[in-house]
Amino acid sequence: MTEELDKLNRAADLLLDMEAEMRRLGMWDSIPPSEEALASTLPFCCDTLSFPQWLQFVFQKRMKRLIEANAPLPSQCGIAPMAEEWFAGSDPGLVHLIRLLREFDELMSD
């Protein structure tokens, strides 16, 4: 049980770090997307949201709900490769955000 709790706590810390980094980078939106945009059935809502919007309004919300409910977290996660693809050729300042996403992916596969 302690191992599960440690994983939940580490996941929560990583989500907070991701939010702080996204805010620092100016990627945190104060206005959520429409319900229609959030209802996309494509992976990462790629037809209706930017990747940062998906991180904030879908991924972060979903993970926070699981953590708050002490529910099982996904057994694997592959967000860092999508981030690397989305941000390819962008500002090198994004390295920290991608590293946090990679840490989250690794935590989920432990």
Protein backbone atom coordinates (compact mmCIF):
# COMPACT_ATOMS: atom_id res chain seq x y z
CA MET A 1 0.00 0.00 0.00
CA THR A 2 2.85 2.38 0.78
CA GLU A 3 4.29 1.88 -2.70
CA GLU A 4 0.95 2.86 -4.27
CA LEU A 5 0.71 5.92 -2.04
CA ASP A 6 4.28 6.90 -2.93
CA LYS A 7 3.41 6.60 -6.62
CA LEU A 8 0.29 8.75 -6.19
CA ASN A 9 2.28 11.38 -4.28
CA ARG A 10 5.07 11.42 -6.87
CA ALA A 11 2.49 11.70 -9.68
CA ALA A 12 0.82 14.61 -7.89
CA ASP A 13 4.18 16.35 -7.47
CA LEU A 14 5.01 15.89 -11.15
CA LEU A 15 1.62 17.29 -12.19
CA LEU A 16 2.23 20.37 -10.03
CA ASP A 17 5.70 20.78 -11.52
CA MET A 18 4.26 20.46 -15.04
CA GLU A 19 1.65 23.10 -14.30
CA ALA A 20 4.27 25.46 -12.88
CA GLU A 21 6.49 24.95 -15.92
CA MET A 22 3.62 25.47 -18.35
CA ARG A 23 2.71 28.68 -16.52
CA ARG A 24 6.34 29.82 -16.65
CA LEU A 25 6.38 29.16 -20.40
CA GLY A 26 3.08 31.03 -20.92
CA MET A 27 1.26 27.85 -21.99
CA TRP A 28 -1.36 27.79 -19.23
CA ASP A 29 -4.75 29.03 -20.43
CA SER A 30 -7.19 30.77 -18.13
CA ILE A 31 -10.15 30.01 -20.42
CA PRO A 32 -11.03 26.36 -21.03
CA PRO A 33 -11.87 25.10 -24.51
CA SER A 34 -15.48 24.46 -25.47
CA GLU A 35 -17.21 21.21 -24.53
CA GLU A 36 -17.25 20.33 -28.21
CA ALA A 37 -13.46 20.69 -28.45
CA LEU A 38 -12.99 18.53 -25.35
CA ALA A 39 -15.33 15.86 -26.77
CA SER A 40 -12.95 14.96 -29.59
CA THR A 41 -12.48 11.22 -30.05
CA LEU A 42 -9.05 11.49 -31.66
CA PRO A 43 -5.89 10.85 -29.62
CA PHE A 44 -4.74 13.95 -27.74
CA CYS A 45 -7.82 15.76 -29.17
CA CYS A 46 -5.43 16.59 -32.01
CA ASP A 47 -8.23 17.88 -34.21
CA THR A 48 -9.56 20.40 -31.69
CA LEU A 49 -6.84 21.27 -29.16
CA SER A 50 -3.19 22.19 -29.19
CA PHE A 51 -0.95 19.79 -27.29
CA PRO A 52 -0.51 22.24 -24.36
CA GLN A 53 -4.31 22.61 -24.16
CA TRP A 54 -4.68 18.83 -24.09
CA LEU A 55 -2.07 18.60 -21.33
CA GLN A 56 -3.90 21.18 -19.23
CA PHE A 57 -7.55 20.44 -19.85
CA VAL A 58 -7.58 16.70 -20.46
CA PHE A 59 -4.45 15.00 -19.12
CA GLN A 60 -3.93 17.13 -15.98
CA LYS A 61 -7.64 17.04 -15.06
CA ARG A 62 -7.92 13.28 -15.58
CA MET A 63 -4.79 12.48 -13.59
CA LYS A 64 -5.76 14.84 -10.74
CA ARG A 65 -9.18 13.16 -10.49
CA LEU A 66 -7.56 9.72 -10.27
CA ILE A 67 -5.11 10.88 -7.62
CA GLU A 68 -7.78 12.60 -5.52
CA ALA A 69 -9.92 9.44 -5.65
CA ASN A 70 -6.92 7.23 -4.75
CA ALA A 71 -7.81 5.35 -7.94
CA PRO A 72 -5.30 3.22 -9.83
CA LEU A 73 -3.13 5.19 -12.21
CA PRO A 74 -2.50 4.01 -15.77
CA SER A 75 -0.02 1.15 -16.03
CA GLN A 76 1.76 2.92 -18.85
CA CYS A 77 1.89 6.36 -20.35
CA GLY A 78 3.54 7.70 -23.48
CA ILE A 79 3.17 11.46 -23.41
CA ALA A 80 6.82 12.51 -23.72
CA PRO A 81 7.18 11.26 -27.33
CA MET A 82 4.11 13.28 -28.33
CA ALA A 83 5.56 16.35 -26.60
CA GLU A 84 8.88 15.86 -28.36
CA GLU A 85 7.07 15.67 -31.70
CA TRP A 86 4.81 18.66 -30.98
CA PHE A 87 7.63 20.89 -29.72
CA ALA A 88 10.29 19.75 -32.24
CA GLY A 89 12.34 22.73 -33.34
CA SER A 90 10.78 24.97 -30.69
CA ASP A 91 12.37 26.93 -27.89
CA PRO A 92 15.08 24.94 -26.08
CA GLY A 93 13.44 26.18 -22.84
CA LEU A 94 10.89 23.38 -23.31
CA VAL A 95 13.46 20.76 -22.29
CA HIS A 96 12.37 20.89 -18.64
CA LEU A 97 8.69 20.33 -19.49
CA ILE A 98 9.56 17.38 -21.72
CA ARG A 99 11.77 15.94 -18.96
CA LEU A 100 8.86 16.18 -16.50
CA LEU A 101 6.60 14.38 -18.98
CA ARG A 102 9.25 11.68 -19.47
CA GLU A 103 9.48 11.26 -15.67
CA PHE A 104 5.70 10.85 -15.52
CA ASP A 105 5.83 8.24 -18.30
CA GLU A 106 8.55 6.34 -16.41
CA LEU A 107 6.64 6.53 -13.13
CA MET A 108 3.58 4.99 -14.77
CA SER A 109 5.62 2.09 -16.18
CA ASP A 110 7.26 1.22 -12.86
